[in-house]
Amino acid sequence: MLTPDTCRAARALVSMSQSELATKAKVSESTVRNFEAERNAPVPNNLSALLKVLEDAGVIFFGAGEAPSGGGPGVRLRK
């Protein structure tokens, strides 16, 4: 699941700017900026597009309790 926190963390892992993510996902930069700032959530198809771009870049997302070490939601790079 993509949350504002995991979106920021995922971008950092793959060194992707908000602008790059927006361009690759074909959404506005304000969509990414507002989502990460927790001002509003993107519509479902935009959220899916953001997630797909980050996953295609090699990011794996974990929900709460899904990570090998347990804990909250998080991200890591695919091997």
C-alpha atoms as a PDB file:
ATOM      1  CA  MET A   1       0.000   0.000   0.000  1.00  0.00           C
ATOM      2  CA  LEU A   2       1.296   3.423  -0.906  1.00  0.00           C
ATOM      3  CA  THR A   3       1.171   6.020   1.857  1.00  0.00           C
ATOM      4  CA  PRO A   4       2.696   9.505   1.908  1.00  0.00           C
ATOM      5  CA  ASP A   5       5.569   8.206   4.054  1.00  0.00           C
ATOM      6  CA  THR A   6       6.274   5.149   1.910  1.00  0.00           C
ATOM      7  CA  CYS A   7       6.060   7.262  -1.248  1.00  0.00           C
ATOM      8  CA  ARG A   8       8.748   9.628   0.058  1.00  0.00           C
ATOM      9  CA  ALA A   9      10.896   6.715   1.229  1.00  0.00           C
ATOM     10  CA  ALA A  10      10.513   4.873  -2.067  1.00  0.00           C
ATOM     11  CA  ARG A  11      11.510   7.941  -4.069  1.00  0.00           C
ATOM     12  CA  ALA A  12      14.571   8.347  -1.869  1.00  0.00           C
ATOM     13  CA  LEU A  13      15.601   4.713  -2.414  1.00  0.00           C
ATOM     14  CA  VAL A  14      15.587   5.134  -6.188  1.00  0.00           C
ATOM     15  CA  SER A  15      16.766   8.779  -6.210  1.00  0.00           C
ATOM     16  CA  MET A  16      13.628   9.987  -7.967  1.00  0.00           C
ATOM     17  CA  SER A  17      12.332  13.548  -7.625  1.00  0.00           C
ATOM     18  CA  GLN A  18       8.664  14.418  -7.250  1.00  0.00           C
ATOM     19  CA  SER A  19       8.783  15.848 -10.748  1.00  0.00           C
ATOM     20  CA  GLU A  20      10.254  12.645 -12.212  1.00  0.00           C
ATOM     21  CA  LEU A  21       7.679  10.496 -10.460  1.00  0.00           C
ATOM     22  CA  ALA A  22       4.850  12.704 -11.666  1.00  0.00           C
ATOM     23  CA  THR A  23       6.114  12.638 -15.254  1.00  0.00           C
ATOM     24  CA  LYS A  24       6.586   8.869 -15.325  1.00  0.00           C
ATOM     25  CA  ALA A  25       3.172   8.274 -13.708  1.00  0.00           C
ATOM     26  CA  LYS A  26       1.534  10.821 -16.018  1.00  0.00           C
ATOM     27  CA  VAL A  27       0.086  12.828 -13.132  1.00  0.00           C
ATOM     28  CA  SER A  28       0.650  16.443 -12.144  1.00  0.00           C
ATOM     29  CA  GLU A  29       3.534  17.322  -9.889  1.00  0.00           C
ATOM     30  CA  SER A  30       1.018  18.860  -7.477  1.00  0.00           C
ATOM     31  CA  THR A  31      -0.635  15.435  -7.172  1.00  0.00           C
ATOM     32  CA  VAL A  32       2.631  13.981  -5.847  1.00  0.00           C
ATOM     33  CA  ARG A  33       3.467  17.039  -3.738  1.00  0.00           C
ATOM     34  CA  ASN A  34       0.006  17.190  -2.113  1.00  0.00           C
ATOM     35  CA  PHE A  35      -0.052  13.442  -1.486  1.00  0.00           C
ATOM     36  CA  GLU A  36       3.351  13.404   0.192  1.00  0.00           C
ATOM     37  CA  ALA A  37       2.437  16.467   2.267  1.00  0.00           C
ATOM     38  CA  GLU A  38      -0.745  14.647   3.333  1.00  0.00           C
ATOM     39  CA  ARG A  39      -2.958  17.437   2.008  1.00  0.00           C
ATOM     40  CA  ASN A  40      -5.067  15.052  -0.064  1.00  0.00           C
ATOM     41  CA  ALA A  41      -5.009  11.574  -1.536  1.00  0.00           C
ATOM     42  CA  PRO A  42      -4.848  11.036  -5.290  1.00  0.00           C
ATOM     43  CA  VAL A  43      -7.781   9.432  -7.076  1.00  0.00           C
ATOM     44  CA  PRO A  44      -7.369   5.628  -7.190  1.00  0.00           C
ATOM     45  CA  ASN A  45      -6.051   5.428 -10.774  1.00  0.00           C
ATOM     46  CA  ASN A  46      -3.387   8.082 -10.053  1.00  0.00           C
ATOM     47  CA  LEU A  47      -2.364   6.310  -6.847  1.00  0.00           C
ATOM     48  CA  SER A  48      -2.024   3.061  -8.817  1.00  0.00           C
ATOM     49  CA  ALA A  49       0.096   4.826 -11.437  1.00  0.00           C
ATOM     50  CA  LEU A  50       2.451   6.193  -8.752  1.00  0.00           C
ATOM     51  CA  LEU A  51       2.760   2.760  -7.168  1.00  0.00           C
ATOM     52  CA  LYS A  52       3.482   1.086 -10.517  1.00  0.00           C
ATOM     53  CA  VAL A  53       6.261   3.539 -11.397  1.00  0.00           C
ATOM     54  CA  LEU A  54       7.954   2.995  -8.046  1.00  0.00           C
ATOM     55  CA  GLU A  55       7.586  -0.788  -8.219  1.00  0.00           C
ATOM     56  CA  ASP A  56       8.948  -0.788 -11.786  1.00  0.00           C
ATOM     57  CA  ALA A  57      11.944   1.162 -10.442  1.00  0.00           C
ATOM     58  CA  GLY A  58      12.650  -1.706  -8.033  1.00  0.00           C
ATOM     59  CA  VAL A  59      10.823  -0.750  -4.846  1.00  0.00           C
ATOM     60  CA  ILE A  60       9.023  -3.390  -2.782  1.00  0.00           C
ATOM     61  CA  PHE A  61       6.270  -2.160  -0.444  1.00  0.00           C
ATOM     62  CA  PHE A  62       5.353  -3.816   2.847  1.00  0.00           C
ATOM     63  CA  GLY A  63       2.168  -3.261   4.810  1.00  0.00           C
ATOM     64  CA  ALA A  64       2.065  -3.289   8.595  1.00  0.00           C
ATOM     65  CA  GLY A  65       3.381  -6.631   9.825  1.00  0.00           C
ATOM     66  CA  GLU A  66       4.305  -7.868   6.321  1.00  0.00           C
ATOM     67  CA  ALA A  67       8.027  -7.077   6.429  1.00  0.00           C
ATOM     68  CA  PRO A  68      10.348  -9.924   7.415  1.00  0.00           C
ATOM     69  CA  SER A  69      11.092  -8.143  10.695  1.00  0.00           C
ATOM     70  CA  GLY A  70       7.445  -7.244  11.354  1.00  0.00           C
ATOM     71  CA  GLY A  71       6.698  -3.657  12.326  1.00  0.00           C
ATOM     72  CA  GLY A  72       4.857  -0.999  10.397  1.00  0.00           C
ATOM     73  CA  PRO A  73       4.633  -0.317   6.677  1.00  0.00           C
ATOM     74  CA  GLY A  74       7.860   0.182   4.789  1.00  0.00           C
ATOM     75  CA  VAL A  75       9.861  -0.121   1.605  1.00  0.00           C
ATOM     76  CA  ARG A  76      13.026  -1.780   0.344  1.00  0.00           C
ATOM     77  CA  LEU A  77      14.820  -2.321  -2.944  1.00  0.00           C
ATOM     78  CA  ARG A  78      14.388  -5.512  -4.900  1.00  0.00           C
ATOM     79  CA  LYS A  79      17.589  -7.576  -5.169  1.00  0.00           C
END
